[in-house]
């Protein structure tokens, strides 16, 4: 998810929504 990665790179705080999306996406571990 480019949008999420872009936010993370910009240092955006991991909001609950982002956390949820990452979990649904499978959380790139």
PDB file of N, CA and C in Angstrom:
ATOM      1  N   UNK A   1       0.843  -1.192   0.000  1.00  0.00           N
ATOM      2  CA  UNK A   1       0.000   0.000   0.000  1.00  0.00           C
ATOM      3  C   UNK A   1       0.886   1.251   0.000  1.00  0.00           C
ATOM      4  N   UNK A   2       1.189   1.791  -1.159  1.00  0.00           N
ATOM      5  CA  UNK A   2       2.051   2.965  -1.318  1.00  0.00           C
ATOM      6  C   UNK A   2       1.658   4.124  -0.402  1.00  0.00           C
ATOM      7  N   UNK A   3       0.363   4.368  -0.273  1.00  0.00           N
ATOM      8  CA  UNK A   3      -0.114   5.484   0.551  1.00  0.00           C
ATOM      9  C   UNK A   3       0.342   5.326   1.992  1.00  0.00           C
ATOM     10  N   UNK A   4       0.185   4.118   2.530  1.00  0.00           N
ATOM     11  CA  UNK A   4       0.592   3.851   3.913  1.00  0.00           C
ATOM     12  C   UNK A   4       2.099   4.000   4.055  1.00  0.00           C
ATOM     13  N   UNK A   5       2.839   3.402   3.125  1.00  0.00           N
ATOM     14  CA  UNK A   5       4.298   3.474   3.186  1.00  0.00           C
ATOM     15  C   UNK A   5       4.760   4.918   3.108  1.00  0.00           C
ATOM     16  N   UNK A   6       4.086   5.703   2.280  1.00  0.00           N
ATOM     17  CA  UNK A   6       4.447   7.109   2.123  1.00  0.00           C
ATOM     18  C   UNK A   6       4.249   7.846   3.443  1.00  0.00           C
ATOM     19  N   UNK A   7       3.141   7.559   4.122  1.00  0.00           N
ATOM     20  CA  UNK A   7       2.862   8.210   5.405  1.00  0.00           C
ATOM     21  C   UNK A   7       3.913   7.828   6.432  1.00  0.00           C
ATOM     22  N   UNK A   8       4.274   6.542   6.438  1.00  0.00           N
ATOM     23  CA  UNK A   8       5.262   6.071   7.405  1.00  0.00           C
ATOM     24  C   UNK A   8       6.613   6.738   7.152  1.00  0.00           C
ATOM     25  N   UNK A   9       6.958   6.880   5.878  1.00  0.00           N
ATOM     26  CA  UNK A   9       8.239   7.490   5.530  1.00  0.00           C
ATOM     27  C   UNK A   9       8.262   8.957   5.946  1.00  0.00           C
ATOM     28  N   UNK A  10       7.096   9.602   5.886  1.00  0.00           N
ATOM     29  CA  UNK A  10       7.014  11.015   6.251  1.00  0.00           C
ATOM     30  C   UNK A  10       6.982  11.188   7.764  1.00  0.00           C
ATOM     31  N   UNK A  11       6.898  10.059   8.488  1.00  0.00           N
ATOM     32  CA  UNK A  11       6.921  10.128   9.945  1.00  0.00           C
ATOM     33  C   UNK A  11       5.545  10.344  10.545  1.00  0.00           C
ATOM     34  N   UNK A  12       4.512  10.038   9.770  1.00  0.00           N
ATOM     35  CA  UNK A  12       3.157  10.204  10.285  1.00  0.00           C
ATOM     36  C   UNK A  12       2.921   9.231  11.432  1.00  0.00           C
ATOM     37  N   UNK A  13       2.236   9.694  12.458  1.00  0.00           N
ATOM     38  CA  UNK A  13       1.966   8.837  13.612  1.00  0.00           C
ATOM     39  C   UNK A  13       1.010   7.714  13.212  1.00  0.00           C
ATOM     40  N   UNK A  14       1.328   6.476  13.638  1.00  0.00           N
ATOM     41  CA  UNK A  14       0.490   5.306  13.340  1.00  0.00           C
ATOM     42  C   UNK A  14      -0.846   5.377  14.064  1.00  0.00           C
ATOM     43  N   UNK A  15      -1.812   5.968  13.422  1.00  0.00           N
ATOM     44  CA  UNK A  15      -3.131   6.092  14.036  1.00  0.00           C
ATOM     45  C   UNK A  15      -3.814   4.730  14.090  1.00  0.00           C
ATOM     46  N   UNK A  16      -4.816   4.583  14.962  1.00  0.00           N
ATOM     47  CA  UNK A  16      -5.559   3.314  15.070  1.00  0.00           C
ATOM     48  C   UNK A  16      -6.036   2.829  13.705  1.00  0.00           C
ATOM     49  N   UNK A  17      -6.438   3.774  12.848  1.00  0.00           N
ATOM     50  CA  UNK A  17      -6.922   3.406  11.518  1.00  0.00           C
ATOM     51  C   UNK A  17      -5.808   2.761  10.712  1.00  0.00           C
ATOM     52  N   UNK A  18      -4.629   3.375  10.752  1.00  0.00           N
ATOM     53  CA  UNK A  18      -3.483   2.832  10.026  1.00  0.00           C
ATOM     54  C   UNK A  18      -3.130   1.463  10.574  1.00  0.00           C
ATOM     55  N   UNK A  19      -3.154   1.336  11.895  1.00  0.00           N
ATOM     56  CA  UNK A  19      -2.858   0.060  12.536  1.00  0.00           C
ATOM     57  C   UNK A  19      -3.822  -1.002  12.026  1.00  0.00           C
ATOM     58  N   UNK A  20      -5.108  -0.636  11.953  1.00  0.00           N
ATOM     59  CA  UNK A  20      -6.144  -1.555  11.496  1.00  0.00           C
ATOM     60  C   UNK A  20      -5.889  -1.965  10.053  1.00  0.00           C
ATOM     61  N   UNK A  21      -5.570  -0.975   9.219  1.00  0.00           N
ATOM     62  CA  UNK A  21      -5.316  -1.243   7.800  1.00  0.00           C
ATOM     63  C   UNK A  21      -4.123  -2.175   7.641  1.00  0.00           C
ATOM     64  N   UNK A  22      -3.057  -1.903   8.408  1.00  0.00           N
ATOM     65  CA  UNK A  22      -1.857  -2.733   8.325  1.00  0.00           C
ATOM     66  C   UNK A  22      -2.180  -4.162   8.730  1.00  0.00           C
ATOM     67  N   UNK A  23      -2.994  -4.316   9.772  1.00  0.00           N
ATOM     68  CA  UNK A  23      -3.357  -5.657  10.233  1.00  0.00           C
ATOM     69  C   UNK A  23      -4.174  -6.367   9.165  1.00  0.00           C
ATOM     70  N   UNK A  24      -5.119  -5.646   8.551  1.00  0.00           N
ATOM     71  CA  UNK A  24      -5.951  -6.225   7.506  1.00  0.00           C
ATOM     72  C   UNK A  24      -5.105  -6.577   6.289  1.00  0.00           C
ATOM     73  N   UNK A  25      -4.082  -5.767   6.046  1.00  0.00           N
ATOM     74  CA  UNK A  25      -3.213  -5.988   4.887  1.00  0.00           C
ATOM     75  C   UNK A  25      -2.252  -7.142   5.142  1.00  0.00           C
ATOM     76  N   UNK A  26      -2.106  -7.511   6.421  1.00  0.00           N
ATOM     77  CA  UNK A  26      -1.242  -8.641   6.744  1.00  0.00           C
ATOM     78  C   UNK A  26      -0.012  -8.210   7.517  1.00  0.00           C
ATOM     79  N   UNK A  27       0.127  -6.925   7.741  1.00  0.00           N
ATOM     80  CA  UNK A  27       1.252  -6.380   8.504  1.00  0.00           C
ATOM     81  C   UNK A  27       2.581  -6.911   7.981  1.00  0.00           C
ATOM     82  N   UNK A  28       3.235  -6.136   7.133  1.00  0.00           N
ATOM     83  CA  UNK A  28       4.520  -6.547   6.576  1.00  0.00           C
ATOM     84  C   UNK A  28       5.539  -6.747   7.685  1.00  0.00           C
ATOM     85  N   UNK A  29       5.655  -8.006   8.152  1.00  0.00           N
ATOM     86  CA  UNK A  29       6.572  -8.282   9.249  1.00  0.00           C
ATOM     87  C   UNK A  29       7.884  -8.814   8.705  1.00  0.00           C
TER      88      UNK A  29
END
